[in-house]
Amino acid sequence: MLNRSVVALFFLMCATFTHAKHIKIEELSVEEKVGQLLFAHFNGISHTKDAEELVNKALIGGIIYYEFSNPFEDPYQVQALSIDLQNQTKRNKHPIPLFISVDQEGGRVARLYKGFTVFPSQKALGETGDPNYAKSCALATAKELKTVGVNMNLAPVVDVHSNDKNPVIGIRSFSSDPILVSSFAKNAIAGYQEGNVMPVIKHFPGHGDTETDSHDNLPFITKSKTQMEKTELFPYRNLKNDADAIMTAHILLPEIDAKYCATLSKRILHDILREQIGFKGLVIADSLVMDGLLQNLPDVNEAALQALTAGCDMLILGGKQLQGAREGYELTPADVIKLHAYLVKAVKSGAITEARINASVERVLAAKEKYNLFTESYPKKNCIPTIVGCKEHKELAEAISGESVKIAKNALKHSMKAITEASPLIVAPESLKYFLEKSDLAKLSPNIKIFYFKDIDPNDREIHEACKLAKSSSCTILCTANAWQHKSQQTLAQLLKETNKPLISLASFDAQDKKFLKVSDMVFTTLSPTISSFNEVAKVLKFTDESTK
């Protein structure tokens, strides 16, 4: 938990940027109202013409940072951009501050990581059995985000992970138990709110029992509403008075609405979420460029209109490249401006009523006032290190990793310390490079070698090269990333074992990888590819010997 006196002193050293006044909806034009309902992104780590067009032409209500579009090198760049963006809104007729948002769930989903504390995944938190950790992590995350001008976090995930074949949720979920999910999420929400960062729980009505990634195709759940009440909908009923915002899922529920997925379904968003559950806050549509949503629609403009008609209050317009989609798939600022114009025309023509738009704008403005966006505060640059990536937060992450990292198998016939201090080899996907090389795992030996395979699926050449290096190493430490989904990772493990050198495997994401790593002499489940999780493994390898088996 943060030292409250330190926090109080810290925020005394802030500069405050006050927008002219709180805005009344009757003062706004249709163009301004529609703009408030849009989240967009742009490429760059500093103020650009694209950003100006989004803020001053499309009049957007929110910005979302992604690592592919905003490759920040440190927290200072994040803060500088956030301040510039908020100042840009003051050029509008009615200066309305932006929601500046990010997916900072922890674990494998953390868009800001260079210089930031990336906490273990929600699954790792759930494994500790202590919901207080959820609040402590959320509060610490909120303090770091608020310091750099991010005022909304698209977290926590409240999906109940009830299907082991689910390709997209996994360690992002606290648990397969809806009661435990609700308990941990309630604490996380409280932590974010205490840190004055708006949390967004997701993905309504529940993505935990799907076998398809909605980035690629439209998932479906063939459960009745009665069945969903016991699992998927349970957290939303329990958290309806705690949460300020809910993100939708692009999921088809044929027993409830056979035609429209949840994001586009008035039956799901209005009848169930608003009327039956009684949720009063913001409803935010998950990215409208995802294939699962668009496959049955002519274009994203129509998707936006249908989502607003169904009951969404705000629309996210990006993120396809998170899945490695081809460059150019993302909406450009020009595309967002055209979408904005399309929706304005729809309102003026009566295709969607202005009253419907007003209801959403009222909720947006109320949320911005609740989270003090009209009097946003930013610390001086020299204060950033006292919060972002500070020692206290790192120690919290280490404590959680200490409780959640497990040894699933240990059949080593060698001294761990001896083989890992000699000439070890680490083999891992390139996506883990930053976290591995910042961790103690990369410092086990001055003779350590690290081999990265570029994509999540190593090719034959990469497998051959890894095995060649393994033959001249004292042991191999293999980091897997959902090997249960990727047979080439399983093949890599088998062939590394055939080098006759000790094989230590880390199921860095989903613990069910251990089922496919039985050839290994030792298996860890970390539930997170984070610095603190890798540090915990290094601690075990460095100080544990045969006598502890």
Protein backbone atom coordinates (compact mmCIF):
# COMPACT_ATOMS: atom_id res chain seq x y z
CA MET A 1 0.00 0.00 0.00
CA LEU A 2 1.25 3.50 -0.80
CA ASN A 3 2.48 5.64 2.04
CA ARG A 4 -0.29 8.26 2.28
CA SER A 5 2.04 11.06 3.47
CA VAL A 6 4.26 10.48 0.44
CA VAL A 7 1.25 10.61 -1.86
CA ALA A 8 -0.05 13.79 -0.25
CA LEU A 9 3.34 15.52 -0.57
CA PHE A 10 3.63 14.28 -4.14
CA PHE A 11 0.38 15.83 -5.28
CA LEU A 12 1.23 19.13 -3.60
CA MET A 13 3.99 19.34 -6.20
CA CYS A 14 1.51 19.14 -9.10
CA ALA A 15 0.67 21.72 -11.71
CA THR A 16 -3.08 22.10 -12.36
CA PHE A 17 -4.50 22.71 -15.84
CA THR A 18 -8.07 23.93 -15.45
CA HIS A 19 -10.52 23.87 -18.36
CA ALA A 20 -12.67 26.98 -18.60
CA LYS A 21 -15.85 25.59 -17.07
CA HIS A 22 -17.96 22.53 -16.71
CA ILE A 23 -20.02 21.97 -19.81
CA LYS A 24 -23.80 21.76 -20.04
CA ILE A 25 -25.18 19.52 -22.75
CA GLU A 26 -27.56 22.17 -24.10
CA GLU A 27 -24.52 24.28 -25.02
CA LEU A 28 -23.16 21.62 -27.37
CA SER A 29 -23.76 21.18 -31.08
CA VAL A 30 -24.58 17.79 -32.59
CA GLU A 31 -21.00 17.67 -33.89
CA GLU A 32 -19.61 18.18 -30.40
CA LYS A 33 -21.97 15.63 -28.88
CA VAL A 34 -21.09 12.91 -31.39
CA GLY A 35 -17.37 13.60 -30.94
CA GLN A 36 -17.64 13.00 -27.21
CA LEU A 37 -18.69 9.41 -27.91
CA LEU A 38 -15.52 8.45 -29.81
CA PHE A 39 -12.19 7.00 -28.68
CA ALA A 40 -9.38 7.11 -31.24
CA HIS A 41 -5.61 6.75 -31.46
CA PHE A 42 -2.82 8.15 -33.62
CA ASN A 43 0.78 7.28 -34.39
CA GLY A 44 3.45 9.11 -32.43
CA ILE A 45 4.88 9.84 -29.01
CA SER A 46 4.48 13.59 -29.28
CA HIS A 47 2.03 16.19 -30.50
CA THR A 48 1.21 15.65 -34.19
CA LYS A 49 -1.09 17.01 -36.88
CA ASP A 50 -3.05 13.75 -36.66
CA ALA A 51 -3.68 14.38 -32.98
CA GLU A 52 -4.87 17.91 -33.73
CA GLU A 53 -7.31 16.66 -36.35
CA LEU A 54 -8.77 14.09 -33.98
CA VAL A 55 -9.18 16.58 -31.16
CA ASN A 56 -10.20 19.67 -33.14
CA LYS A 57 -12.02 18.24 -36.19
CA ALA A 58 -13.49 14.94 -35.00
CA LEU A 59 -13.89 16.52 -31.52
CA ILE A 60 -13.21 13.12 -29.93
CA GLY A 61 -13.98 12.47 -26.30
CA GLY A 62 -11.15 10.03 -25.67
CA ILE A 63 -7.66 8.93 -26.72
CA ILE A 64 -6.35 5.41 -26.29
CA TYR A 65 -2.62 4.66 -26.13
CA TYR A 66 -1.29 1.48 -27.79
CA GLU A 67 2.31 0.28 -27.85
CA PHE A 68 2.21 -0.18 -31.64
CA SER A 69 1.07 3.40 -32.25
CA ASN A 70 2.65 5.18 -29.27
CA PRO A 71 6.00 3.43 -28.60
CA PHE A 72 6.95 5.41 -25.51
CA GLU A 73 10.49 5.00 -24.21
CA ASP A 74 9.82 6.37 -20.73
CA PRO A 75 7.09 7.86 -18.51
CA TYR A 76 8.24 11.42 -19.25
CA GLN A 77 7.16 11.06 -22.88
CA VAL A 78 3.75 9.77 -21.80
CA GLN A 79 3.18 12.70 -19.47
CA ALA A 80 4.30 15.28 -22.02
CA LEU A 81 1.93 13.90 -24.66
CA SER A 82 -0.98 13.71 -22.23
CA ILE A 83 -0.52 17.36 -21.25
CA ASP A 84 -0.26 18.43 -24.89
CA LEU A 85 -3.43 16.56 -25.82
CA GLN A 86 -5.42 18.09 -22.97
CA ASN A 87 -4.15 21.53 -23.85
CA GLN A 88 -5.20 20.93 -27.46
CA THR A 89 -8.83 20.53 -26.37
CA LYS A 90 -8.79 24.14 -25.16
CA ARG A 91 -8.77 25.29 -28.79
CA ASN A 92 -12.28 23.96 -29.23
CA LYS A 93 -15.35 26.19 -28.80
CA HIS A 94 -16.29 24.19 -25.71
CA PRO A 95 -13.09 22.81 -24.15
CA ILE A 96 -13.94 19.36 -22.84
CA PRO A 97 -11.04 17.34 -21.40
CA LEU A 98 -10.20 13.97 -22.89
CA PHE A 99 -10.47 10.56 -21.39
CA ILE A 100 -6.92 9.30 -21.91
CA SER A 101 -7.09 5.54 -21.65
CA VAL A 102 -4.93 2.44 -21.79
CA ASP A 103 -5.17 -1.32 -21.29
CA GLN A 104 -3.02 -1.76 -18.18
CA GLU A 105 -4.38 -5.04 -16.84
CA GLY A 106 -1.05 -6.45 -15.67
CA GLY A 107 0.59 -9.66 -16.81
CA ARG A 108 0.73 -9.95 -20.58
CA VAL A 109 -1.55 -6.96 -21.19
CA ALA A 110 0.28 -3.76 -20.28
CA ARG A 111 0.53 -1.07 -22.94
CA LEU A 112 2.85 1.09 -20.81
CA TYR A 113 5.83 -0.84 -19.54
CA LYS A 114 9.12 0.99 -20.13
CA GLY A 115 9.81 2.56 -16.75
CA PHE A 116 6.45 1.46 -15.32
CA THR A 117 5.64 -1.26 -12.81
CA VAL A 118 3.92 -4.11 -14.61
CA PHE A 119 2.13 -6.14 -11.97
CA PRO A 120 1.50 -9.88 -12.29
CA SER A 121 -1.60 -10.98 -14.17
CA GLN A 122 -5.06 -11.08 -12.66
CA LYS A 123 -4.77 -14.88 -12.58
CA ALA A 124 -1.61 -14.54 -10.50
CA LEU A 125 -3.48 -12.25 -8.12
CA GLY A 126 -6.30 -14.77 -7.88
CA GLU A 127 -3.83 -17.54 -7.08
CA THR A 128 -2.67 -15.68 -3.96
CA GLY A 129 -6.19 -15.98 -2.52
CA ASP A 130 -5.92 -12.45 -1.11
CA PRO A 131 -8.30 -9.85 -2.64
CA ASN A 132 -6.37 -7.09 -0.86
CA TYR A 133 -3.61 -7.57 -3.40
CA ALA A 134 -6.09 -6.60 -6.13
CA LYS A 135 -6.77 -3.28 -4.43
CA SER A 136 -3.10 -2.59 -3.71
CA CYS A 137 -2.09 -3.28 -7.32
CA ALA A 138 -4.96 -1.21 -8.72
CA LEU A 139 -4.12 1.73 -6.47
CA ALA A 140 -0.43 1.57 -7.37
CA THR A 141 -1.29 1.27 -11.07
CA ALA A 142 -3.67 4.22 -10.79
CA LYS A 143 -1.00 6.38 -9.16
CA GLU A 144 1.44 5.57 -11.97
CA LEU A 145 -1.14 6.19 -14.69
CA LYS A 146 -2.43 9.41 -13.13
CA THR A 147 1.13 10.70 -12.86
CA VAL A 148 1.53 10.52 -16.65
CA GLY A 149 -1.93 11.87 -17.45
CA VAL A 150 -3.82 8.62 -18.06
CA ASN A 151 -7.20 8.96 -16.35
CA MET A 152 -8.96 5.77 -17.50
CA ASN A 153 -7.82 2.15 -17.33
CA LEU A 154 -9.60 -0.49 -19.41
CA ALA A 155 -9.45 -2.92 -16.50
CA PRO A 156 -10.16 -5.02 -14.51
CA VAL A 157 -11.24 -8.05 -16.53
CA VAL A 158 -14.26 -9.69 -14.88
CA ASP A 159 -14.62 -12.57 -17.33
CA VAL A 160 -14.99 -15.90 -15.55
CA HIS A 161 -12.45 -18.22 -17.18
CA SER A 162 -14.53 -21.37 -17.48
CA ASN A 163 -13.17 -22.82 -20.73
CA ASP A 164 -9.58 -24.06 -21.04
CA LYS A 165 -9.81 -23.75 -24.82
CA ASN A 166 -10.37 -20.00 -24.55
CA PRO A 167 -7.63 -18.36 -26.68
CA VAL A 168 -8.00 -14.78 -25.49
CA ILE A 169 -8.82 -14.62 -21.76
CA GLY A 170 -6.68 -17.15 -19.85
CA ILE A 171 -4.46 -15.46 -17.27
CA ARG A 172 -6.33 -12.18 -17.78
CA SER A 173 -9.11 -13.59 -15.57
CA PHE A 174 -8.91 -13.71 -11.78
CA SER A 175 -10.50 -17.15 -11.61
CA SER A 176 -12.98 -19.72 -12.87
CA ASP A 177 -15.06 -19.00 -9.75
CA PRO A 178 -17.52 -16.10 -10.29
CA ILE A 179 -17.60 -15.34 -6.57
CA LEU A 180 -13.83 -14.98 -6.42
CA VAL A 181 -13.83 -12.91 -9.64
CA SER A 182 -16.38 -10.54 -8.10
CA SER A 183 -14.43 -10.22 -4.86
CA PHE A 184 -11.10 -9.45 -6.53
CA ALA A 185 -12.70 -7.11 -9.07
CA LYS A 186 -14.54 -5.18 -6.35
CA ASN A 187 -11.22 -4.55 -4.61
CA ALA A 188 -9.53 -3.58 -7.87
CA ILE A 189 -12.30 -1.10 -8.69
CA ALA A 190 -11.90 0.47 -5.25
CA GLY A 191 -8.15 0.80 -5.79
CA TYR A 192 -8.51 2.56 -9.13
CA GLN A 193 -11.17 4.87 -7.77
CA GLU A 194 -9.03 5.77 -4.77
CA GLY A 195 -6.27 6.66 -7.23
CA ASN A 196 -8.74 8.79 -9.22
CA VAL A 197 -8.41 6.70 -12.39
CA MET A 198 -11.66 5.47 -13.91
CA PRO A 199 -11.81 1.66 -14.17
CA VAL A 200 -13.68 -0.10 -16.97
CA ILE A 201 -14.76 -3.66 -16.23
CA LYS A 202 -14.90 -6.02 -19.21
CA HIS A 203 -16.09 -7.85 -21.37
CA PHE A 204 -19.90 -7.81 -20.98
CA PRO A 205 -21.77 -10.14 -20.95
CA GLY A 206 -18.77 -12.46 -20.46
CA HIS A 207 -15.95 -13.72 -22.70
CA GLY A 208 -14.71 -16.51 -20.44
CA ASP A 209 -16.47 -19.50 -22.04
CA THR A 210 -15.58 -18.87 -25.67
CA GLU A 211 -13.25 -20.80 -27.98
CA THR A 212 -12.80 -18.02 -30.53
CA ASP A 213 -10.92 -14.73 -30.35
CA SER A 214 -13.28 -11.91 -31.32
CA HIS A 215 -10.35 -10.09 -32.91
CA ASP A 216 -10.54 -12.74 -35.64
CA ASN A 217 -14.06 -14.23 -35.71
CA LEU A 218 -17.38 -13.88 -33.93
CA PRO A 219 -17.48 -16.11 -30.82
CA PHE A 220 -20.74 -17.55 -29.57
CA ILE A 221 -22.00 -18.98 -26.29
CA THR A 222 -24.94 -21.37 -26.48
CA LYS A 223 -26.16 -20.81 -22.95
CA SER A 224 -29.53 -19.64 -21.80
CA LYS A 225 -29.80 -16.45 -19.79
CA THR A 226 -30.53 -18.57 -16.70
CA GLN A 227 -27.27 -20.45 -17.19
CA MET A 228 -25.34 -17.22 -17.75
CA GLU A 229 -26.75 -15.71 -14.55
CA LYS A 230 -24.79 -18.30 -12.55
CA THR A 231 -21.45 -17.53 -14.17
CA GLU A 232 -20.92 -14.82 -16.80
CA LEU A 233 -23.48 -12.30 -15.53
CA PHE A 234 -22.78 -12.92 -11.84
CA PRO A 235 -19.91 -10.38 -11.52
CA TYR A 236 -21.87 -7.67 -13.32
CA ARG A 237 -24.85 -7.98 -10.98
CA ASN A 238 -22.51 -7.87 -7.99
CA LEU A 239 -20.50 -4.91 -9.28
CA LYS A 240 -23.25 -2.79 -10.85
CA ASN A 241 -23.06 -0.20 -8.07
CA ASP A 242 -19.26 -0.20 -7.89
CA ALA A 243 -18.31 0.10 -11.55
CA ASP A 244 -18.48 3.41 -13.42
CA ALA A 245 -18.03 1.85 -16.86
CA ILE A 246 -18.43 -1.49 -18.62
CA MET A 247 -16.88 -2.60 -21.92
CA THR A 248 -18.88 -4.81 -24.24
CA ALA A 249 -17.81 -8.07 -25.90
CA HIS A 250 -18.37 -8.95 -29.53
CA ILE A 251 -20.09 -12.25 -28.68
CA LEU A 252 -23.19 -13.84 -30.14
CA LEU A 253 -25.66 -15.29 -27.65
CA PRO A 254 -28.22 -17.08 -29.84
CA GLU A 255 -30.42 -18.06 -26.88
CA ILE A 256 -30.87 -14.35 -26.11
CA ASP A 257 -30.39 -12.58 -29.44
CA ALA A 258 -29.84 -14.75 -32.50
CA LYS A 259 -29.18 -11.83 -34.86
CA TYR A 260 -26.95 -9.29 -33.12
CA CYS A 261 -23.77 -9.75 -31.10
CA ALA A 262 -23.75 -8.16 -27.65
CA THR A 263 -22.17 -4.88 -28.77
CA LEU A 264 -24.96 -4.37 -31.30
CA SER A 265 -27.83 -5.90 -29.32
CA LYS A 266 -30.41 -3.65 -27.68
CA ARG A 267 -31.86 -6.77 -26.07
CA ILE A 268 -28.54 -7.38 -24.28
CA LEU A 269 -27.33 -3.83 -23.59
CA HIS A 270 -30.64 -2.13 -22.83
CA ASP A 271 -32.98 -4.88 -21.68
CA ILE A 272 -30.50 -6.94 -19.67
CA LEU A 273 -27.69 -4.56 -18.66
CA ARG A 274 -29.70 -1.39 -18.14
CA GLU A 275 -33.18 -2.61 -17.20
CA GLN A 276 -32.67 -5.99 -15.51
CA ILE A 277 -29.22 -5.58 -13.96
CA GLY A 278 -29.74 -1.86 -13.37
CA PHE A 279 -26.34 -0.54 -14.48
CA LYS A 280 -26.27 3.27 -14.65
CA GLY A 281 -22.73 4.00 -15.80
CA LEU A 282 -20.96 4.23 -19.15
CA VAL A 283 -21.16 1.41 -21.69
CA ILE A 284 -18.08 1.38 -23.93
CA ALA A 285 -17.92 -0.72 -27.08
CA ASP A 286 -14.81 -2.81 -27.55
CA SER A 287 -12.86 -1.95 -30.68
CA LEU A 288 -15.11 -1.62 -33.73
CA VAL A 289 -12.34 -2.71 -36.12
CA MET A 290 -12.30 -6.28 -34.78
CA ASP A 291 -13.19 -8.91 -37.36
CA GLY A 292 -15.63 -10.65 -35.05
CA LEU A 293 -17.83 -7.56 -35.18
CA LEU A 294 -17.32 -6.49 -38.78
CA GLN A 295 -17.75 -9.80 -40.57
CA ASN A 296 -21.52 -9.30 -40.99
CA LEU A 297 -21.49 -5.53 -41.53
CA PRO A 298 -20.74 -3.38 -44.60
CA ASP A 299 -18.25 -1.09 -42.82
CA VAL A 300 -17.19 0.40 -39.49
CA ASN A 301 -19.51 3.39 -39.96
CA GLU A 302 -22.54 1.12 -39.87
CA ALA A 303 -21.04 -0.76 -36.90
CA ALA A 304 -20.74 2.54 -35.02
CA LEU A 305 -24.33 3.53 -35.75
CA GLN A 306 -25.69 0.13 -34.71
CA ALA A 307 -23.62 0.13 -31.51
CA LEU A 308 -24.95 3.53 -30.45
CA THR A 309 -28.50 2.54 -31.34
CA ALA A 310 -28.17 -0.62 -29.24
CA GLY A 311 -27.06 1.33 -26.17
CA CYS A 312 -23.29 1.88 -26.27
CA ASP A 313 -22.24 5.26 -24.95
CA MET A 314 -18.68 5.39 -26.31
CA LEU A 315 -16.93 3.60 -29.16
CA ILE A 316 -13.29 2.47 -29.38
CA LEU A 317 -11.97 2.83 -32.93
CA GLY A 318 -8.70 0.94 -33.01
CA GLY A 319 -6.50 -1.88 -31.82
CA LYS A 320 -6.52 -4.40 -34.66
CA GLN A 321 -2.74 -4.23 -34.93
CA LEU A 322 -2.46 -5.61 -31.41
CA GLN A 323 -3.07 -8.97 -33.11
CA GLY A 324 -0.42 -8.37 -35.75
CA ALA A 325 -2.83 -7.32 -38.48
CA ARG A 326 -1.43 -5.76 -41.63
CA GLU A 327 -0.40 -2.15 -41.37
CA GLY A 328 -3.08 0.09 -42.79
CA TYR A 329 -5.98 -1.82 -41.27
CA GLU A 330 -6.31 0.72 -38.49
CA LEU A 331 -8.56 3.72 -38.95
CA THR A 332 -6.67 6.89 -39.84
CA PRO A 333 -7.63 10.31 -38.46
CA ALA A 334 -9.27 10.96 -41.84
CA ASP A 335 -11.34 7.78 -41.38
CA VAL A 336 -12.40 8.90 -37.90
CA ILE A 337 -13.41 12.31 -39.24
CA LYS A 338 -15.54 10.60 -41.92
CA LEU A 339 -17.11 8.32 -39.31
CA HIS A 340 -17.86 11.35 -37.16
CA ALA A 341 -19.55 13.05 -40.11
CA TYR A 342 -21.53 9.88 -40.87
CA LEU A 343 -22.90 9.77 -37.31
CA VAL A 344 -23.69 13.51 -37.31
CA LYS A 345 -25.66 13.02 -40.52
CA ALA A 346 -27.46 10.05 -38.96
CA VAL A 347 -28.57 12.22 -36.03
CA LYS A 348 -29.69 15.10 -38.20
CA SER A 349 -31.61 12.78 -40.53
CA GLY A 350 -33.33 10.98 -37.66
CA ALA A 351 -31.62 7.62 -38.26
CA ILE A 352 -30.74 7.86 -34.56
CA THR A 353 -32.45 10.31 -32.25
CA GLU A 354 -30.64 13.21 -30.65
CA ALA A 355 -32.26 12.19 -27.37
CA ARG A 356 -30.44 8.87 -27.59
CA ILE A 357 -27.13 10.69 -28.18
CA ASN A 358 -27.86 13.14 -25.36
CA ALA A 359 -28.29 10.32 -22.86
CA SER A 360 -24.80 9.06 -23.65
CA VAL A 361 -23.22 12.51 -23.63
CA GLU A 362 -24.73 13.20 -20.21
CA ARG A 363 -23.10 10.04 -18.87
CA VAL A 364 -19.76 10.97 -20.47
CA LEU A 365 -19.74 14.47 -19.00
CA ALA A 366 -20.82 13.21 -15.57
CA ALA A 367 -17.96 10.69 -15.54
CA LYS A 368 -15.43 13.35 -16.54
CA GLU A 369 -16.62 15.56 -13.72
CA LYS A 370 -16.59 12.71 -11.21
CA TYR A 371 -12.95 11.97 -12.02
CA ASN A 372 -11.98 15.68 -11.90
CA LEU A 373 -10.91 15.88 -15.53
CA PHE A 374 -11.91 19.55 -15.69
CA THR A 375 -9.20 20.31 -13.10
CA GLU A 376 -6.55 17.77 -14.14
CA SER A 377 -3.28 17.78 -12.17
CA TYR A 378 0.18 16.72 -13.32
CA PRO A 379 3.30 16.40 -11.18
CA LYS A 380 6.52 18.13 -12.11
CA LYS A 381 8.85 15.95 -14.16
CA ASN A 382 11.32 15.41 -11.33
CA CYS A 383 8.54 13.87 -9.24
CA ILE A 384 7.77 11.10 -11.75
CA PRO A 385 10.35 8.57 -10.41
CA THR A 386 8.92 8.87 -6.90
CA ILE A 387 5.75 7.13 -8.11
CA VAL A 388 6.23 5.51 -11.53
CA GLY A 389 8.24 2.31 -11.18
CA CYS A 390 9.09 3.20 -7.59
CA LYS A 391 10.66 0.77 -5.14
CA GLU A 392 7.44 0.32 -3.19
CA HIS A 393 5.53 -0.80 -6.28
CA LYS A 394 8.29 -3.14 -7.37
CA GLU A 395 8.29 -4.75 -3.92
CA LEU A 396 4.52 -5.25 -4.16
CA ALA A 397 4.92 -6.95 -7.54
CA GLU A 398 7.70 -9.16 -6.14
CA ALA A 399 5.55 -10.18 -3.17
CA ILE A 400 2.71 -11.28 -5.44
CA SER A 401 5.07 -13.20 -7.70
CA GLY A 402 6.53 -14.88 -4.64
CA GLU A 403 3.10 -16.29 -3.86
CA SER A 404 1.92 -17.08 -7.39
CA VAL A 405 4.96 -18.59 -9.14
CA LYS A 406 4.91 -22.36 -8.63
CA ILE A 407 7.18 -25.33 -9.35
CA ALA A 408 4.94 -27.79 -11.22
CA LYS A 409 7.67 -30.39 -11.69
CA ASN A 410 11.21 -30.97 -10.47
CA ALA A 411 13.04 -34.06 -11.68
CA LEU A 412 16.45 -32.46 -12.11
CA LYS A 413 19.39 -34.76 -11.44
CA HIS A 414 21.78 -31.84 -11.31
CA SER A 415 22.43 -28.98 -8.93
CA MET A 416 20.25 -26.14 -10.13
CA LYS A 417 22.69 -23.54 -8.93
CA ALA A 418 25.60 -25.22 -10.66
CA ILE A 419 23.97 -25.57 -14.08
CA THR A 420 22.38 -22.14 -14.09
CA GLU A 421 25.59 -20.39 -13.03
CA ALA A 422 27.75 -22.20 -15.61
CA SER A 423 26.68 -21.45 -19.19
CA PRO A 424 22.88 -21.42 -19.35
CA LEU A 425 20.82 -20.71 -22.45
CA ILE A 426 17.46 -18.94 -22.38
CA VAL A 427 15.10 -19.57 -25.30
CA ALA A 428 12.03 -17.33 -25.56
CA PRO A 429 9.73 -15.48 -27.96
CA GLU A 430 11.00 -12.03 -28.88
CA SER A 431 7.91 -10.46 -27.30
CA LEU A 432 9.39 -11.25 -23.87
CA LYS A 433 12.75 -9.61 -24.58
CA TYR A 434 12.22 -6.40 -22.59
CA PHE A 435 10.95 -8.18 -19.48
CA LEU A 436 13.51 -10.97 -19.57
CA GLU A 437 16.49 -8.68 -20.00
CA LYS A 438 15.33 -6.40 -17.19
CA SER A 439 15.00 -9.40 -14.86
CA ASP A 440 17.46 -11.36 -12.72
CA LEU A 441 16.88 -14.38 -14.95
CA ALA A 442 19.11 -12.76 -17.57
CA LYS A 443 21.80 -12.26 -14.93
CA LEU A 444 22.13 -15.85 -13.69
CA SER A 445 25.59 -16.13 -15.20
CA PRO A 446 28.14 -13.92 -16.97
CA ASN A 447 28.18 -16.66 -19.61
CA ILE A 448 24.45 -16.68 -20.25
CA LYS A 449 23.13 -16.69 -23.80
CA ILE A 450 19.62 -15.72 -24.88
CA PHE A 451 18.02 -16.87 -28.12
CA TYR A 452 14.76 -15.33 -29.27
CA PHE A 453 12.39 -16.69 -31.88
CA LYS A 454 10.70 -13.83 -33.68
CA ASP A 455 7.05 -14.86 -33.72
CA ILE A 456 4.95 -16.86 -31.30
CA ASP A 457 5.53 -19.92 -33.52
CA PRO A 458 9.25 -20.69 -33.94
CA ASN A 459 10.13 -21.83 -37.46
CA ASP A 460 12.36 -24.78 -38.37
CA ARG A 461 15.45 -22.62 -38.74
CA GLU A 462 14.93 -21.04 -35.31
CA ILE A 463 14.33 -24.43 -33.68
CA HIS A 464 17.53 -25.77 -35.28
CA GLU A 465 19.55 -22.76 -34.10
CA ALA A 466 18.17 -23.00 -30.55
CA CYS A 467 19.06 -26.70 -30.33
CA LYS A 468 22.56 -26.03 -31.67
CA LEU A 469 23.14 -23.46 -28.92
CA ALA A 470 21.65 -25.79 -26.30
CA LYS A 471 24.25 -28.48 -27.05
CA SER A 472 27.03 -26.15 -25.94
CA SER A 473 25.19 -24.87 -22.85
CA SER A 474 25.02 -26.19 -19.29
CA CYS A 475 21.20 -26.13 -19.40
CA THR A 476 18.34 -24.60 -21.33
CA ILE A 477 15.64 -22.40 -19.84
CA LEU A 478 12.67 -22.36 -22.21
CA CYS A 479 10.00 -19.67 -21.80
CA THR A 480 6.73 -20.65 -23.44
CA ALA A 481 3.84 -18.40 -24.39
CA ASN A 482 0.61 -20.41 -24.60
CA ALA A 483 2.37 -23.50 -25.94
CA TRP A 484 -0.96 -25.32 -25.56
CA GLN A 485 -2.10 -23.34 -28.62
CA HIS A 486 1.17 -23.49 -30.56
CA LYS A 487 2.49 -26.91 -31.55
CA SER A 488 5.80 -25.49 -32.78
CA GLN A 489 6.60 -24.46 -29.19
CA GLN A 490 5.85 -28.02 -28.09
CA THR A 491 8.16 -29.33 -30.83
CA LEU A 492 10.84 -26.92 -29.67
CA ALA A 493 10.61 -28.29 -26.11
CA GLN A 494 10.88 -31.90 -27.36
CA LEU A 495 13.93 -31.21 -29.52
CA LEU A 496 15.67 -29.19 -26.80
CA LYS A 497 15.27 -32.17 -24.49
CA GLU A 498 16.87 -34.40 -27.12
CA THR A 499 20.10 -32.39 -26.84
CA ASN A 500 20.62 -34.29 -23.56
CA LYS A 501 21.09 -31.09 -21.60
CA PRO A 502 18.91 -30.26 -18.58
CA LEU A 503 15.71 -28.52 -19.69
CA ILE A 504 13.96 -26.06 -17.38
CA SER A 505 10.67 -24.74 -18.77
CA LEU A 506 8.66 -21.70 -17.74
CA ALA A 507 4.96 -21.68 -18.61
CA SER A 508 5.13 -17.90 -18.80
CA PHE A 509 1.46 -17.39 -19.67
CA ASP A 510 -1.16 -20.09 -19.17
CA ALA A 511 -0.35 -22.76 -16.57
CA GLN A 512 -1.88 -25.44 -18.77
CA ASP A 513 1.32 -25.29 -20.85
CA LYS A 514 2.74 -27.65 -18.22
CA LYS A 515 0.72 -30.48 -19.82
CA PHE A 516 2.79 -30.03 -22.98
CA LEU A 517 6.13 -29.64 -21.22
CA LYS A 518 6.35 -33.08 -19.59
CA VAL A 519 9.67 -33.74 -21.34
CA SER A 520 11.20 -30.97 -19.21
CA ASP A 521 13.28 -31.78 -16.15
CA MET A 522 11.76 -28.86 -14.29
CA VAL A 523 8.64 -26.79 -14.95
CA PHE A 524 7.59 -23.45 -13.46
CA THR A 525 4.18 -21.83 -13.87
CA THR A 526 4.59 -18.07 -13.59
CA LEU A 527 1.12 -16.93 -14.80
CA SER A 528 2.84 -13.76 -15.99
CA PRO A 529 5.68 -12.79 -18.32
CA THR A 530 6.68 -9.93 -16.02
CA ILE A 531 9.97 -8.82 -14.51
CA SER A 532 8.88 -9.77 -11.00
CA SER A 533 7.77 -13.25 -12.14
CA PHE A 534 11.07 -13.91 -13.88
CA ASN A 535 12.90 -12.60 -10.80
CA GLU A 536 11.10 -15.15 -8.65
CA VAL A 537 12.19 -17.99 -10.96
CA ALA A 538 15.76 -16.70 -10.86
CA LYS A 539 15.64 -16.64 -7.08
CA VAL A 540 14.64 -20.30 -7.00
CA LEU A 541 17.24 -21.35 -9.56
CA LYS A 542 20.00 -19.43 -7.85
CA PHE A 543 19.44 -20.57 -4.30
CA THR A 544 17.61 -23.91 -4.52
CA ASP A 545 19.60 -27.15 -4.76
CA GLU A 546 18.91 -30.87 -4.94
CA SER A 547 18.39 -31.05 -1.21
CA THR A 548 15.14 -29.08 -1.50
CA LYS A 549 13.49 -31.41 -4.00
